[in-house]
Amino acid sequence: MICYSLTDPLYHAVCAGRLPDISCTNDAQLTSYANGTCYNGSDLVGVWNETIFEDVTHLQRTSASEEYYK
């Protein structure tokens, strides 16, 4: 995962923690956004579309094994 800056709005959610794959359609409290993310109120809870997320944010999710072998 590429983490550019602490001022990046997604830094703390993406780089400081892990974003799970999540379906925003199964829960009325969750809201899906056009950037591929899913929120519960103001809390980022996951990514519902990884392709859109990477295209819009230019951030790339990696697995633990990819990070280990870098």
N, C-alpha and C. Protein backbone atom coordinates (compact mmCIF):
# COMPACT_ATOMS: atom_id res chain seq x y z
N MET A 1 0.85 -1.16 0.00
CA MET A 1 0.00 0.00 0.00
C MET A 1 0.89 1.23 0.00
N ILE A 2 0.55 2.18 -0.79
CA ILE A 2 1.33 3.40 -0.88
C ILE A 2 0.68 4.44 0.03
N CYS A 3 1.44 4.96 0.98
CA CYS A 3 0.94 5.97 1.90
C CYS A 3 1.76 7.24 1.68
N TYR A 4 1.11 8.26 1.19
CA TYR A 4 1.82 9.46 0.80
C TYR A 4 2.03 10.45 1.92
N SER A 5 1.01 10.71 2.71
CA SER A 5 1.10 11.82 3.64
C SER A 5 0.13 11.64 4.79
N LEU A 6 0.51 12.14 5.96
CA LEU A 6 -0.40 12.12 7.10
C LEU A 6 -1.60 13.03 6.88
N THR A 7 -1.50 13.98 5.97
CA THR A 7 -2.61 14.89 5.71
C THR A 7 -3.61 14.31 4.72
N ASP A 8 -3.28 13.17 4.11
CA ASP A 8 -4.20 12.51 3.21
C ASP A 8 -5.42 12.07 4.02
N PRO A 9 -6.64 12.42 3.59
CA PRO A 9 -7.83 12.09 4.38
C PRO A 9 -8.00 10.59 4.62
N LEU A 10 -7.50 9.76 3.74
CA LEU A 10 -7.66 8.32 3.92
C LEU A 10 -6.47 7.69 4.61
N TYR A 11 -5.46 8.47 4.99
CA TYR A 11 -4.23 7.90 5.56
C TYR A 11 -4.50 7.03 6.78
N HIS A 12 -5.24 7.56 7.75
CA HIS A 12 -5.43 6.83 9.00
C HIS A 12 -6.25 5.56 8.79
N ALA A 13 -7.21 5.59 7.90
CA ALA A 13 -8.02 4.41 7.65
C ALA A 13 -7.27 3.39 6.81
N VAL A 14 -6.51 3.85 5.83
CA VAL A 14 -5.87 2.94 4.89
C VAL A 14 -4.51 2.50 5.37
N CYS A 15 -3.70 3.41 5.85
CA CYS A 15 -2.31 3.11 6.16
C CYS A 15 -2.10 2.73 7.61
N ALA A 16 -2.86 3.28 8.50
CA ALA A 16 -2.67 2.99 9.91
C ALA A 16 -3.44 1.73 10.32
N GLY A 17 -4.36 1.31 9.51
CA GLY A 17 -5.15 0.12 9.81
C GLY A 17 -5.45 -0.62 8.53
N ARG A 18 -6.29 -1.58 8.60
CA ARG A 18 -6.65 -2.37 7.42
C ARG A 18 -8.12 -2.17 7.11
N LEU A 19 -8.42 -2.04 5.84
CA LEU A 19 -9.80 -1.90 5.40
C LEU A 19 -10.31 -3.23 4.88
N PRO A 20 -11.34 -3.77 5.48
CA PRO A 20 -11.88 -5.04 4.99
C PRO A 20 -12.77 -4.81 3.76
N ASP A 21 -12.94 -5.86 2.98
CA ASP A 21 -13.96 -5.84 1.93
C ASP A 21 -15.30 -5.91 2.63
N ILE A 22 -16.24 -5.10 2.18
CA ILE A 22 -17.52 -5.04 2.87
C ILE A 22 -18.62 -4.77 1.85
N SER A 23 -19.80 -5.26 2.11
CA SER A 23 -20.96 -4.98 1.28
C SER A 23 -21.80 -3.93 1.97
N CYS A 24 -21.96 -2.80 1.33
CA CYS A 24 -22.75 -1.71 1.93
C CYS A 24 -24.24 -1.89 1.72
N THR A 25 -24.64 -2.83 0.89
CA THR A 25 -26.05 -2.97 0.54
C THR A 25 -26.86 -3.74 1.57
N ASN A 26 -26.20 -4.48 2.46
CA ASN A 26 -26.91 -5.34 3.41
C ASN A 26 -27.27 -4.65 4.72
N ASP A 27 -26.86 -3.41 4.91
CA ASP A 27 -27.06 -2.74 6.18
C ASP A 27 -27.54 -1.31 5.92
N ALA A 28 -28.70 -0.97 6.47
CA ALA A 28 -29.27 0.36 6.24
C ALA A 28 -28.44 1.48 6.86
N GLN A 29 -27.60 1.17 7.85
CA GLN A 29 -26.78 2.18 8.49
C GLN A 29 -25.52 2.51 7.69
N LEU A 30 -25.18 1.69 6.71
CA LEU A 30 -23.98 1.88 5.92
C LEU A 30 -24.28 2.66 4.64
N THR A 31 -23.35 3.51 4.25
CA THR A 31 -23.49 4.31 3.05
C THR A 31 -22.30 4.05 2.13
N SER A 32 -22.59 3.72 0.87
CA SER A 32 -21.51 3.51 -0.10
C SER A 32 -21.26 4.82 -0.84
N TYR A 33 -19.98 5.10 -1.08
CA TYR A 33 -19.58 6.33 -1.77
C TYR A 33 -18.97 5.99 -3.12
N ALA A 34 -18.96 6.96 -4.01
CA ALA A 34 -18.49 6.77 -5.38
C ALA A 34 -17.01 6.44 -5.46
N ASN A 35 -16.26 6.64 -4.37
CA ASN A 35 -14.83 6.31 -4.39
C ASN A 35 -14.57 4.85 -3.97
N GLY A 36 -15.62 4.07 -3.79
CA GLY A 36 -15.47 2.66 -3.46
C GLY A 36 -15.46 2.35 -1.98
N THR A 37 -15.62 3.37 -1.13
CA THR A 37 -15.58 3.17 0.31
C THR A 37 -16.99 3.05 0.89
N CYS A 38 -17.04 2.53 2.11
CA CYS A 38 -18.30 2.34 2.82
C CYS A 38 -18.17 2.96 4.21
N TYR A 39 -19.13 3.78 4.57
CA TYR A 39 -19.11 4.49 5.85
C TYR A 39 -20.31 4.12 6.70
N ASN A 40 -20.10 4.16 8.02
CA ASN A 40 -21.17 4.08 9.00
C ASN A 40 -21.15 5.43 9.69
N GLY A 41 -22.02 6.30 9.26
CA GLY A 41 -21.98 7.69 9.74
C GLY A 41 -20.72 8.35 9.22
N SER A 42 -19.84 8.80 10.11
CA SER A 42 -18.59 9.43 9.68
C SER A 42 -17.39 8.47 9.80
N ASP A 43 -17.66 7.20 10.13
CA ASP A 43 -16.59 6.22 10.30
C ASP A 43 -16.42 5.37 9.04
N LEU A 44 -15.21 5.35 8.52
CA LEU A 44 -14.88 4.51 7.39
C LEU A 44 -14.77 3.07 7.88
N VAL A 45 -15.60 2.17 7.31
CA VAL A 45 -15.63 0.79 7.78
C VAL A 45 -15.05 -0.21 6.79
N GLY A 46 -14.89 0.18 5.53
CA GLY A 46 -14.32 -0.76 4.57
C GLY A 46 -14.42 -0.27 3.14
N VAL A 47 -14.09 -1.18 2.24
CA VAL A 47 -14.11 -0.90 0.81
C VAL A 47 -15.11 -1.85 0.16
N TRP A 48 -16.07 -1.28 -0.57
CA TRP A 48 -17.05 -2.13 -1.23
C TRP A 48 -16.66 -2.43 -2.68
N ASN A 49 -15.77 -1.60 -3.27
CA ASN A 49 -15.30 -1.85 -4.63
C ASN A 49 -13.83 -1.46 -4.72
N GLU A 50 -12.96 -2.46 -4.71
CA GLU A 50 -11.52 -2.21 -4.67
C GLU A 50 -11.02 -1.53 -5.94
N THR A 51 -11.56 -1.89 -7.10
CA THR A 51 -11.14 -1.29 -8.37
C THR A 51 -11.42 0.21 -8.39
N ILE A 52 -12.63 0.59 -8.01
CA ILE A 52 -12.98 2.02 -7.97
C ILE A 52 -12.13 2.73 -6.92
N PHE A 53 -11.96 2.11 -5.76
CA PHE A 53 -11.15 2.70 -4.69
C PHE A 53 -9.75 3.03 -5.19
N GLU A 54 -9.10 2.07 -5.86
CA GLU A 54 -7.74 2.30 -6.35
C GLU A 54 -7.70 3.34 -7.47
N ASP A 55 -8.70 3.33 -8.36
CA ASP A 55 -8.73 4.31 -9.46
C ASP A 55 -8.92 5.73 -8.95
N VAL A 56 -9.78 5.91 -7.96
CA VAL A 56 -10.11 7.25 -7.46
C VAL A 56 -9.05 7.77 -6.49
N THR A 57 -8.61 6.93 -5.56
CA THR A 57 -7.70 7.40 -4.51
C THR A 57 -6.22 7.26 -4.88
N HIS A 58 -5.94 6.45 -5.89
CA HIS A 58 -4.56 6.13 -6.29
C HIS A 58 -3.79 5.45 -5.17
N LEU A 59 -4.53 4.83 -4.25
CA LEU A 59 -3.94 4.01 -3.19
C LEU A 59 -4.16 2.56 -3.57
N GLN A 60 -3.22 1.72 -3.20
CA GLN A 60 -3.32 0.32 -3.57
C GLN A 60 -3.28 -0.55 -2.32
N ARG A 61 -4.25 -1.43 -2.21
CA ARG A 61 -4.27 -2.35 -1.09
C ARG A 61 -3.34 -3.51 -1.38
N THR A 62 -2.64 -3.98 -0.35
CA THR A 62 -1.75 -5.13 -0.50
C THR A 62 -2.04 -6.12 0.61
N SER A 63 -1.70 -7.34 0.33
CA SER A 63 -1.88 -8.37 1.35
C SER A 63 -0.69 -8.34 2.32
N ALA A 64 -0.85 -9.02 3.43
CA ALA A 64 0.24 -9.07 4.40
C ALA A 64 1.48 -9.74 3.81
N SER A 65 1.28 -10.76 2.99
CA SER A 65 2.43 -11.44 2.40
C SER A 65 3.15 -10.54 1.40
N GLU A 66 2.42 -9.71 0.66
CA GLU A 66 3.05 -8.76 -0.27
C GLU A 66 3.90 -7.75 0.50
N GLU A 67 3.40 -7.28 1.63
CA GLU A 67 4.16 -6.34 2.45
C GLU A 67 5.41 -7.00 3.03
N TYR A 68 5.28 -8.23 3.46
CA TYR A 68 6.39 -8.94 4.09
C TYR A 68 7.54 -9.15 3.10
N TYR A 69 7.22 -9.51 1.88
CA TYR A 69 8.24 -9.85 0.89
C TYR A 69 8.72 -8.65 0.08
N LYS A 70 8.36 -7.45 0.43
CA LYS A 70 8.86 -6.26 -0.26
C LYS A 70 10.27 -5.96 0.15
